PDB file of N, CA and C in Angstrom:
ATOM      1  N   UNK A   1       0.867  -1.275  -0.026  1.00  0.00           N
ATOM      2  CA  UNK A   1      -0.105  -0.038   0.180  1.00  0.00           C
ATOM      3  C   UNK A   1       0.970   1.268   0.062  1.00  0.00           C
ATOM      4  N   UNK A   2       0.274   2.316  -0.337  1.00  0.00           N
ATOM      5  CA  UNK A   2       1.039   3.517  -0.393  1.00  0.00           C
ATOM      6  C   UNK A   2       0.481   4.529   0.405  1.00  0.00           C
ATOM      7  N   UNK A   3       0.772   5.649   0.688  1.00  0.00           N
ATOM      8  CA  UNK A   3       0.417   6.539   1.774  1.00  0.00           C
ATOM      9  C   UNK A   3      -0.820   7.412   1.132  1.00  0.00           C
ATOM     10  N   UNK A   4      -0.962   7.260  -0.144  1.00  0.00           N
ATOM     11  CA  UNK A   4      -2.295   8.082  -0.771  1.00  0.00           C
ATOM     12  C   UNK A   4      -3.133   6.848  -0.870  1.00  0.00           C
ATOM     13  N   UNK A   5      -2.930   5.632  -0.800  1.00  0.00           N
ATOM     14  CA  UNK A   5      -4.062   4.731  -0.709  1.00  0.00           C
ATOM     15  C   UNK A   5      -4.559   4.603   0.743  1.00  0.00           C
ATOM     16  N   UNK A   6      -3.474   4.862   1.605  1.00  0.00           N
ATOM     17  CA  UNK A   6      -3.996   4.855   3.134  1.00  0.00           C
ATOM     18  C   UNK A   6      -4.950   5.943   3.337  1.00  0.00           C
ATOM     19  N   UNK A   7      -4.528   7.063   2.752  1.00  0.00           N
ATOM     20  CA  UNK A   7      -5.478   8.313   2.845  1.00  0.00           C
ATOM     21  C   UNK A   7      -6.810   7.853   2.826  1.00  0.00           C
ATOM     22  N   UNK A   8      -7.222   7.341   1.803  1.00  0.00           N
ATOM     23  CA  UNK A   8      -8.354   6.866   1.097  1.00  0.00           C
ATOM     24  C   UNK A   8      -9.163   5.788   2.158  1.00  0.00           C
ATOM     25  N   UNK A   9      -8.456   5.151   2.712  1.00  0.00           N
ATOM     26  CA  UNK A   9      -8.889   4.381   4.052  1.00  0.00           C
ATOM     27  C   UNK A   9      -9.310   4.793   5.290  1.00  0.00           C
ATOM     28  N   UNK A  10      -8.635   5.908   5.603  1.00  0.00           N
ATOM     29  CA  UNK A  10      -8.742   6.451   6.789  1.00  0.00           C
ATOM     30  C   UNK A  10     -10.134   7.400   6.767  1.00  0.00           C
ATOM     31  N   UNK A  11     -10.870   7.224   7.716  1.00  0.00           N
ATOM     32  CA  UNK A  11     -12.146   8.046   7.916  1.00  0.00           C
ATOM     33  C   UNK A  11     -11.752   9.548   8.021  1.00  0.00           C
ATOM     34  N   UNK A  12     -11.990  10.434   7.483  1.00  0.00           N
ATOM     35  CA  UNK A  12     -12.132  11.845   7.409  1.00  0.00           C
ATOM     36  C   UNK A  12     -12.729  12.666   8.531  1.00  0.00           C
ATOM     37  N   UNK A  13     -13.545  11.909   9.132  1.00  0.00           N
ATOM     38  CA  UNK A  13     -14.602  12.784  10.242  1.00  0.00           C
ATOM     39  C   UNK A  13     -14.676  12.101  11.470  1.00  0.00           C
ATOM     40  N   UNK A  14     -13.711  10.974  11.780  1.00  0.00           N
ATOM     41  CA  UNK A  14     -13.954  10.432  13.146  1.00  0.00           C
ATOM     42  C   UNK A  14     -12.284   9.825  13.451  1.00  0.00           C
ATOM     43  N   UNK A  15     -11.783   9.841  14.423  1.00  0.00           N
ATOM     44  CA  UNK A  15     -10.431   9.402  14.959  1.00  0.00           C
ATOM     45  C   UNK A  15     -10.439   7.722  14.889  1.00  0.00           C
ATOM     46  N   UNK A  16      -9.123   7.463  14.419  1.00  0.00           N
ATOM     47  CA  UNK A  16      -8.654   6.093  13.901  1.00  0.00           C
ATOM     48  C   UNK A  16      -7.328   5.867  14.246  1.00  0.00           C
ATOM     49  N   UNK A  17      -7.108   4.645  14.571  1.00  0.00           N
ATOM     50  CA  UNK A  17      -5.618   3.928  14.733  1.00  0.00           C
ATOM     51  C   UNK A  17      -5.281   3.074  13.350  1.00  0.00           C
ATOM     52  N   UNK A  18      -4.272   3.438  12.909  1.00  0.00           N
ATOM     53  CA  UNK A  18      -3.787   2.401  11.665  1.00  0.00           C
ATOM     54  C   UNK A  18      -2.454   1.717  11.908  1.00  0.00           C
ATOM     55  N   UNK A  19      -2.415   0.669  11.655  1.00  0.00           N
ATOM     56  CA  UNK A  19      -1.042   0.083  11.531  1.00  0.00           C
ATOM     57  C   UNK A  19      -0.581  -0.134  10.002  1.00  0.00           C
ATOM     58  N   UNK A  20       0.458   0.309   9.802  1.00  0.00           N
ATOM     59  CA  UNK A  20       0.740   0.524   8.114  1.00  0.00           C
ATOM     60  C   UNK A  20       2.186   0.234   8.314  1.00  0.00           C
ATOM     61  N   UNK A  21       2.257  -0.907   7.318  1.00  0.00           N
ATOM     62  CA  UNK A  21       3.635  -1.475   6.948  1.00  0.00           C
ATOM     63  C   UNK A  21       4.197  -0.915   5.677  1.00  0.00           C
ATOM     64  N   UNK A  22       5.078   0.402   6.041  1.00  0.00           N
ATOM     65  CA  UNK A  22       5.249   1.297   4.880  1.00  0.00           C
ATOM     66  C   UNK A  22       6.683   0.600   4.042  1.00  0.00           C
ATOM     67  N   UNK A  23       6.630  -0.101   2.980  1.00  0.00           N
ATOM     68  CA  UNK A  23       7.644  -0.410   2.020  1.00  0.00           C
ATOM     69  C   UNK A  23       8.324   0.582   1.224  1.00  0.00           C
ATOM     70  N   UNK A  24       9.503   0.713   1.474  1.00  0.00           N
ATOM     71  CA  UNK A  24      10.255   2.043   0.832  1.00  0.00           C
ATOM     72  C   UNK A  24      11.770   1.567   0.557  1.00  0.00           C
ATOM     73  N   UNK A  25      12.283   2.441  -0.141  1.00  0.00           N
ATOM     74  CA  UNK A  25      13.859   2.522  -0.117  1.00  0.00           C
ATOM     75  C   UNK A  25      14.534   3.697   0.534  1.00  0.00           C
ATOM     76  N   UNK A  26      15.566   3.585   1.412  1.00  0.00           N
ATOM     77  CA  UNK A  26      16.618   4.599   1.837  1.00  0.00           C
ATOM     78  C   UNK A  26      17.666   4.482   1.322  1.00  0.00           C
ATOM     79  N   UNK A  27      18.331   5.141   0.631  1.00  0.00           N
ATOM     80  CA  UNK A  27      19.778   5.140   0.647  1.00  0.00           C
ATOM     81  C   UNK A  27      19.984   3.946  -0.312  1.00  0.00           C
ATOM     82  N   UNK A  28      19.245   3.485  -1.329  1.00  0.00           N
ATOM     83  CA  UNK A  28      19.590   2.318  -1.907  1.00  0.00           C
ATOM     84  C   UNK A  28      19.241   1.028  -0.958  1.00  0.00           C
ATOM     85  N   UNK A  29      18.664   0.789  -0.104  1.00  0.00           N
ATOM     86  CA  UNK A  29      18.418  -0.174   0.811  1.00  0.00           C
ATOM     87  C   UNK A  29      16.895  -0.111   0.916  1.00  0.00           C
ATOM     88  N   UNK A  30      16.177  -1.548   0.852  1.00  0.00           N
ATOM     89  CA  UNK A  30      14.764  -1.702   1.259  1.00  0.00           C
ATOM     90  C   UNK A  30      14.541  -1.552   2.585  1.00  0.00           C
ATOM     91  N   UNK A  31      13.465  -0.792   3.028  1.00  0.00           N
ATOM     92  CA  UNK A  31      12.963  -0.910   4.453  1.00  0.00           C
ATOM     93  C   UNK A  31      11.373  -1.259   4.484  1.00  0.00           C
ATOM     94  N   UNK A  32      10.748  -1.639   5.643  1.00  0.00           N
ATOM     95  CA  UNK A  32       9.430  -2.092   5.368  1.00  0.00           C
ATOM     96  C   UNK A  32       9.338  -2.023   6.901  1.00  0.00           C
ATOM     97  N   UNK A  33       9.221  -0.587   7.633  1.00  0.00           N
ATOM     98  CA  UNK A  33       8.796  -0.772   9.013  1.00  0.00           C
ATOM     99  C   UNK A  33       7.170  -0.724   9.307  1.00  0.00           C
ATOM    100  N   UNK A  34       6.666  -1.119  10.326  1.00  0.00           N
ATOM    101  CA  UNK A  34       5.554  -0.804  10.788  1.00  0.00           C
ATOM    102  C   UNK A  34       5.385   0.225  11.613  1.00  0.00           C
ATOM    103  N   UNK A  35       4.412   1.162  10.707  1.00  0.00           N
ATOM    104  CA  UNK A  35       4.072   2.673  11.586  1.00  0.00           C
ATOM    105  C   UNK A  35       2.649   2.482  12.282  1.00  0.00           C
ATOM    106  N   UNK A  36       2.577   3.176  13.330  1.00  0.00           N
ATOM    107  CA  UNK A  36       1.306   3.178  14.024  1.00  0.00           C
ATOM    108  C   UNK A  36       0.705   4.601  13.892  1.00  0.00           C
ATOM    109  N   UNK A  37      -0.475   4.888  13.416  1.00  0.00           N
ATOM    110  CA  UNK A  37      -0.775   6.112  12.902  1.00  0.00           C
ATOM    111  C   UNK A  37      -2.043   6.556  13.341  1.00  0.00           C
ATOM    112  N   UNK A  38      -2.029   7.776  14.371  1.00  0.00           N
ATOM    113  CA  UNK A  38      -3.300   7.881  15.035  1.00  0.00           C
ATOM    114  C   UNK A  38      -4.000   9.148  14.419  1.00  0.00           C
ATOM    115  N   UNK A  39      -4.820   9.105  13.496  1.00  0.00           N
ATOM    116  CA  UNK A  39      -5.403  10.202  12.855  1.00  0.00           C
ATOM    117  C   UNK A  39      -6.708  10.715  13.778  1.00  0.00           C
ATOM    118  N   UNK A  40      -6.684  11.856  14.100  1.00  0.00           N
ATOM    119  CA  UNK A  40      -7.835  12.641  14.819  1.00  0.00           C
ATOM    120  C   UNK A  40      -8.091  13.816  14.294  1.00  0.00           C
ATOM    121  N   UNK A  41      -8.967  13.817  13.294  1.00  0.00           N
ATOM    122  CA  UNK A  41      -9.621  14.925  12.611  1.00  0.00           C
ATOM    123  C   UNK A  41     -10.025  16.074  13.694  1.00  0.00           C
ATOM    124  N   UNK A  42      -9.674  17.376  13.479  1.00  0.00           N
ATOM    125  CA  UNK A  42     -10.239  18.187  14.413  1.00  0.00           C
ATOM    126  C   UNK A  42     -11.677  18.470  14.495  1.00  0.00           C
ATOM    127  N   UNK A  43     -12.336  18.139  13.519  1.00  0.00           N
ATOM    128  CA  UNK A  43     -13.814  18.218  13.502  1.00  0.00           C
ATOM    129  C   UNK A  43     -14.502  16.934  13.970  1.00  0.00           C
ATOM    130  N   UNK A  44     -13.866  16.031  14.648  1.00  0.00           N
ATOM    131  CA  UNK A  44     -14.458  14.908  15.134  1.00  0.00           C
ATOM    132  C   UNK A  44     -14.947  15.115  16.386  1.00  0.00           C
ATOM    133  N   UNK A  45     -15.910  14.416  16.875  1.00  0.00           N
ATOM    134  CA  UNK A  45     -16.740  14.591  18.156  1.00  0.00           C
ATOM    135  C   UNK A  45     -15.708  14.384  19.363  1.00  0.00           C
ATOM    136  N   UNK A  46     -16.019  15.439  20.336  1.00  0.00           N
ATOM    137  CA  UNK A  46     -14.958  15.345  21.401  1.00  0.00           C
ATOM    138  C   UNK A  46     -14.806  14.206  22.141  1.00  0.00           C
ATOM    139  N   UNK A  47     -15.968  13.488  22.474  1.00  0.00           N
ATOM    140  CA  UNK A  47     -15.884  12.226  22.990  1.00  0.00           C
ATOM    141  C   UNK A  47     -15.145  11.150  22.361  1.00  0.00           C
ATOM    142  N   UNK A  48     -15.019  11.068  20.900  1.00  0.00           N
ATOM    143  CA  UNK A  48     -14.354  10.263  20.176  1.00  0.00           C
ATOM    144  C   UNK A  48     -13.040  10.330  20.292  1.00  0.00           C
ATOM    145  N   UNK A  49     -12.632  11.902  20.201  1.00  0.00           N
ATOM    146  CA  UNK A  49     -11.182  12.425  20.455  1.00  0.00           C
ATOM    147  C   UNK A  49     -10.519  12.020  21.726  1.00  0.00           C
ATOM    148  N   UNK A  50     -11.346  12.091  22.701  1.00  0.00           N
ATOM    149  CA  UNK A  50     -11.071  11.984  24.196  1.00  0.00           C
ATOM    150  C   UNK A  50     -10.821  10.323  24.336  1.00  0.00           C
ATOM    151  N   UNK A  51     -11.577   9.556  23.855  1.00  0.00           N
ATOM    152  CA  UNK A  51     -11.601   7.926  23.932  1.00  0.00           C
ATOM    153  C   UNK A  51     -10.308   7.547  23.403  1.00  0.00           C
ATOM    154  N   UNK A  52     -10.092   7.789  21.934  1.00  0.00           N
ATOM    155  CA  UNK A  52      -9.103   7.603  21.336  1.00  0.00           C
ATOM    156  C   UNK A  52      -7.673   7.961  21.948  1.00  0.00           C
ATOM    157  N   UNK A  53      -7.347   9.176  22.142  1.00  0.00           N
ATOM    158  CA  UNK A  53      -6.450   9.976  22.607  1.00  0.00           C
ATOM    159  C   UNK A  53      -6.008   9.152  24.053  1.00  0.00           C
ATOM    160  N   UNK A  54      -7.005   8.844  25.104  1.00  0.00           N
ATOM    161  CA  UNK A  54      -6.811   8.158  26.133  1.00  0.00           C
ATOM    162  C   UNK A  54      -6.568   6.710  26.066  1.00  0.00           C
ATOM    163  N   UNK A  55      -6.624   5.973  24.949  1.00  0.00           N
ATOM    164  CA  UNK A  55      -6.428   4.635  24.977  1.00  0.00           C
ATOM    165  C   UNK A  55      -5.350   4.391  24.077  1.00  0.00           C
ATOM    166  N   UNK A  56      -4.738   5.528  23.414  1.00  0.00           N
ATOM    167  CA  UNK A  56      -3.604   5.128  22.457  1.00  0.00           C
ATOM    168  C   UNK A  56      -2.431   4.492  23.233  1.00  0.00           C
ATOM    169  N   UNK A  57      -1.985   4.862  24.405  1.00  0.00           N
ATOM    170  CA  UNK A  57      -0.813   4.168  24.992  1.00  0.00           C
ATOM    171  C   UNK A  57      -1.041   2.868  25.389  1.00  0.00           C
ATOM    172  N   UNK A  58      -2.388   2.346  25.743  1.00  0.00           N
ATOM    173  CA  UNK A  58      -2.671   1.097  26.120  1.00  0.00           C
ATOM    174  C   UNK A  58      -2.510   0.419  24.756  1.00  0.00           C
ATOM    175  N   UNK A  59      -3.006   0.716  23.648  1.00  0.00           N
ATOM    176  CA  UNK A  59      -3.081   0.047  22.301  1.00  0.00           C
ATOM    177  C   UNK A  59      -1.585  -0.158  22.158  1.00  0.00           C
ATOM    178  N   UNK A  60      -0.839   0.826  22.018  1.00  0.00           N
ATOM    179  CA  UNK A  60       0.666   0.555  21.682  1.00  0.00           C
ATOM    180  C   UNK A  60       1.279  -0.267  22.401  1.00  0.00           C
ATOM    181  N   UNK A  61       1.044  -0.425  23.754  1.00  0.00           N
ATOM    182  CA  UNK A  61       1.423  -1.045  24.728  1.00  0.00           C
ATOM    183  C   UNK A  61       1.157  -2.540  24.586  1.00  0.00           C
ATOM    184  N   UNK A  62      -0.101  -2.849  24.211  1.00  0.00           N
ATOM    185  CA  UNK A  62      -0.556  -4.242  23.709  1.00  0.00           C
ATOM    186  C   UNK A  62       0.176  -4.764  22.665  1.00  0.00           C
ATOM    187  N   UNK A  63       0.195  -4.008  21.728  1.00  0.00           N
ATOM    188  CA  UNK A  63       0.908  -4.352  20.445  1.00  0.00           C
ATOM    189  C   UNK A  63       2.306  -4.888  20.876  1.00  0.00           C
ATOM    190  N   UNK A  64       3.091  -4.214  21.550  1.00  0.00           N
ATOM    191  CA  UNK A  64       4.582  -4.302  21.946  1.00  0.00           C
ATOM    192  C   UNK A  64       4.321  -5.707  22.632  1.00  0.00           C
ATOM    193  N   UNK A  65       3.599  -5.960  23.692  1.00  0.00           N
ATOM    194  CA  UNK A  65       3.436  -7.013  24.365  1.00  0.00           C
ATOM    195  C   UNK A  65       3.046  -8.405  23.589  1.00  0.00           C
ATOM    196  N   UNK A  66       2.461  -8.177  22.492  1.00  0.00           N
ATOM    197  CA  UNK A  66       2.043  -9.172  21.533  1.00  0.00           C
ATOM    198  C   UNK A  66       3.063  -9.547  20.764  1.00  0.00           C
ATOM    199  N   UNK A  67       4.285  -8.840  20.513  1.00  0.00           N
ATOM    200  CA  UNK A  67       5.341  -8.928  19.951  1.00  0.00           C
ATOM    201  C   UNK A  67       5.495  -8.322  18.596  1.00  0.00           C
ATOM    202  N   UNK A  68       4.600  -7.201  18.423  1.00  0.00           N
ATOM    203  CA  UNK A  68       4.749  -6.406  17.165  1.00  0.00           C
ATOM    204  C   UNK A  68       5.657  -5.213  17.371  1.00  0.00           C
ATOM    205  N   UNK A  69       6.704  -5.181  16.546  1.00  0.00           N
ATOM    206  CA  UNK A  69       7.489  -3.962  16.747  1.00  0.00           C
ATOM    207  C   UNK A  69       7.074  -2.912  15.997  1.00  0.00           C
ATOM    208  N   UNK A  70       6.790  -1.727  16.512  1.00  0.00           N
ATOM    209  CA  UNK A  70       6.356  -0.471  15.955  1.00  0.00           C
ATOM    210  C   UNK A  70       7.449   0.393  15.940  1.00  0.00           C
ATOM    211  N   UNK A  71       7.747   0.770  14.683  1.00  0.00           N
ATOM    212  CA  UNK A  71       8.900   1.386  14.289  1.00  0.00           C
ATOM    213  C   UNK A  71       8.822   2.816  14.883  1.00  0.00           C
ATOM    214  N   UNK A  72       7.678   3.455  14.781  1.00  0.00           N
ATOM    215  CA  UNK A  72       7.423   4.848  14.797  1.00  0.00           C
ATOM    216  C   UNK A  72       5.863   5.032  14.958  1.00  0.00           C
ATOM    217  N   UNK A  73       5.165   5.859  15.888  1.00  0.00           N
ATOM    218  CA  UNK A  73       4.262   6.404  16.442  1.00  0.00           C
ATOM    219  C   UNK A  73       3.818   7.803  15.463  1.00  0.00           C
ATOM    220  N   UNK A  74       2.963   8.010  14.831  1.00  0.00           N
ATOM    221  CA  UNK A  74       2.503   9.544  14.305  1.00  0.00           C
ATOM    222  C   UNK A  74       1.329   9.672  14.630  1.00  0.00           C
ATOM    223  N   UNK A  75       1.096  10.954  14.801  1.00  0.00           N
ATOM    224  CA  UNK A  75      -0.088  11.426  15.136  1.00  0.00           C
ATOM    225  C   UNK A  75      -0.350  12.703  14.164  1.00  0.00           C
ATOM    226  N   UNK A  76      -1.482  12.685  13.150  1.00  0.00           N
ATOM    227  CA  UNK A  76      -2.017  13.644  12.411  1.00  0.00           C
ATOM    228  C   UNK A  76      -3.412  13.971  12.751  1.00  0.00           C
ATOM    229  N   UNK A  77      -3.845  15.415  12.310  1.00  0.00           N
ATOM    230  CA  UNK A  77      -5.043  15.852  12.266  1.00  0.00           C
ATOM    231  C   UNK A  77      -6.048  15.858  11.142  1.00  0.00           C
ATOM    232  N   UNK A  78      -5.417  15.421  10.148  1.00  0.00           N
ATOM    233  CA  UNK A  78      -6.260  15.328   8.899  1.00  0.00           C
ATOM    234  C   UNK A  78      -5.358  14.247   8.067  1.00  0.00           C
ATOM    235  N   UNK A  79      -6.392  13.509   7.193  1.00  0.00           N
ATOM    236  CA  UNK A  79      -6.057  12.278   6.485  1.00  0.00           C
ATOM    237  C   UNK A  79      -5.083  12.831   5.328  1.00  0.00           C
ATOM    238  N   UNK A  80      -5.157  14.035   4.715  1.00  0.00           N
ATOM    239  CA  UNK A  80      -4.154  14.673   3.976  1.00  0.00           C
ATOM    240  C   UNK A  80      -2.899  14.769   4.265  1.00  0.00           C
ATOM    241  N   UNK A  81      -2.785  14.646   5.630  1.00  0.00           N
ATOM    242  CA  UNK A  81      -1.268  14.850   6.090  1.00  0.00           C
ATOM    243  C   UNK A  81      -0.500  13.733   5.891  1.00  0.00           C
ATOM    244  N   UNK A  82      -1.192  12.530   5.980  1.00  0.00           N
ATOM    245  CA  UNK A  82      -0.468  11.092   5.560  1.00  0.00           C
ATOM    246  C   UNK A  82       0.038  11.331   3.962  1.00  0.00           C
ATOM    247  N   UNK A  83       1.517  11.273   3.925  1.00  0.00           N
ATOM    248  CA  UNK A  83       2.182  11.216   2.438  1.00  0.00           C
ATOM    249  C   UNK A  83       3.264  10.666   2.483  1.00  0.00           C
ATOM    250  N   UNK A  84       3.895  10.374   1.569  1.00  0.00           N
ATOM    251  CA  UNK A  84       4.948   9.740   1.557  1.00  0.00           C
ATOM    252  C   UNK A  84       6.315  10.840   1.939  1.00  0.00           C
ATOM    253  N   UNK A  85       6.001  11.972   1.576  1.00  0.00           N
ATOM    254  CA  UNK A  85       6.891  12.879   2.184  1.00  0.00           C
ATOM    255  C   UNK A  85       7.023  13.143   4.059  1.00  0.00           C
ATOM    256  N   UNK A  86       5.783  12.978   4.387  1.00  0.00           N
ATOM    257  CA  UNK A  86       5.632  12.904   6.130  1.00  0.00           C
ATOM    258  C   UNK A  86       6.214  11.573   6.664  1.00  0.00           C
ATOM    259  N   UNK A  87       5.942  10.356   6.030  1.00  0.00           N
ATOM    260  CA  UNK A  87       6.467   9.317   6.449  1.00  0.00           C
ATOM    261  C   UNK A  87       8.090   9.290   6.267  1.00  0.00           C
ATOM    262  N   UNK A  88       8.541   9.647   5.298  1.00  0.00           N
ATOM    263  CA  UNK A  88      10.083   9.529   5.019  1.00  0.00           C
ATOM    264  C   UNK A  88      10.925  10.661   5.794  1.00  0.00           C
ATOM    265  N   UNK A  89      10.091  11.744   6.102  1.00  0.00           N
ATOM    266  CA  UNK A  89      10.573  12.879   7.023  1.00  0.00           C
ATOM    267  C   UNK A  89      10.602  12.407   8.241  1.00  0.00           C
ATOM    268  N   UNK A  90       9.592  11.473   8.851  1.00  0.00           N
ATOM    269  CA  UNK A  90       9.709  11.017  10.254  1.00  0.00           C
ATOM    270  C   UNK A  90      10.596   9.828  10.237  1.00  0.00           C
ATOM    271  N   UNK A  91      10.904   8.849   9.361  1.00  0.00           N
ATOM    272  CA  UNK A  91      11.638   7.765   9.586  1.00  0.00           C
ATOM    273  C   UNK A  91      13.095   8.211   9.218  1.00  0.00           C
ATOM    274  N   UNK A  92      13.197   8.977   8.503  1.00  0.00           N
ATOM    275  CA  UNK A  92      14.522   9.256   7.945  1.00  0.00           C
ATOM    276  C   UNK A  92      14.892  11.002   7.948  1.00  0.00           C
ATOM    277  N   UNK A  93      15.084  11.522   9.084  1.00  0.00           N
ATOM    278  CA  UNK A  93      14.988  13.013   9.120  1.00  0.00           C
ATOM    279  C   UNK A  93      16.303  13.551   8.510  1.00  0.00           C
ATOM    280  N   UNK A  94      16.394  14.476   7.802  1.00  0.00           N
ATOM    281  CA  UNK A  94      17.351  15.159   7.340  1.00  0.00           C
ATOM    282  C   UNK A  94      18.256  15.560   8.280  1.00  0.00           C
ATOM    283  N   UNK A  95      19.887  15.146   8.142  1.00  0.00           N
ATOM    284  CA  UNK A  95      20.583  15.529   9.088  1.00  0.00           C
ATOM    285  C   UNK A  95      21.506  16.871   8.546  1.00  0.00           C
ATOM    286  N   UNK A  96      21.453  18.001   8.864  1.00  0.00           N
ATOM    287  CA  UNK A  96      22.111  19.012   8.570  1.00  0.00           C
ATOM    288  C   UNK A  96      23.612  19.121   9.005  1.00  0.00           C
ATOM    289  N   UNK A  97      24.345  19.508   7.950  1.00  0.00           N
ATOM    290  CA  UNK A  97      25.746  19.691   8.016  1.00  0.00           C
ATOM    291  C   UNK A  97      26.139  20.918   8.720  1.00  0.00           C
ATOM    292  N   UNK A  98      27.139  20.703   9.703  1.00  0.00           N
ATOM    293  CA  UNK A  98      27.776  21.900  10.309  1.00  0.00           C
ATOM    294  C   UNK A  98      28.549  22.540   9.338  1.00  0.00           C
ATOM    295  N   UNK A  99      28.221  24.113   9.635  1.00  0.00           N
ATOM    296  CA  UNK A  99      29.119  24.767   8.616  1.00  0.00           C
ATOM    297  C   UNK A  99      30.529  25.112   9.133  1.00  0.00           C
ATOM    298  N   UNK A 100      31.508  25.184   8.331  1.00  0.00           N
ATOM    299  CA  UNK A 100      32.672  25.158   8.745  1.00  0.00           C
ATOM    300  C   UNK A 100      33.319  26.603   8.433  1.00  0.00           C
TER     301      UNK A 100
END
């Protein structure tokens, strides 16, 4: 799956958790980390946002004890934020060179 196809699967009007195996290349090497994405649209019902936000830690803990290694946990407020650029930037942040 791609980030674009994931956008289409996430609900635009209610909070959701998503596990996403992101297959990509970095510096010529293949990678396929599992990402936990918490999408919480700002216009969601307050009760739903509170429920998802308060249970996120327990869900991540359960995944870990179940043996699933989550490489990164991300939180977005709009499904449109989920993009290849966001995922790449989170997993492989640019390293600034020191000026001499």
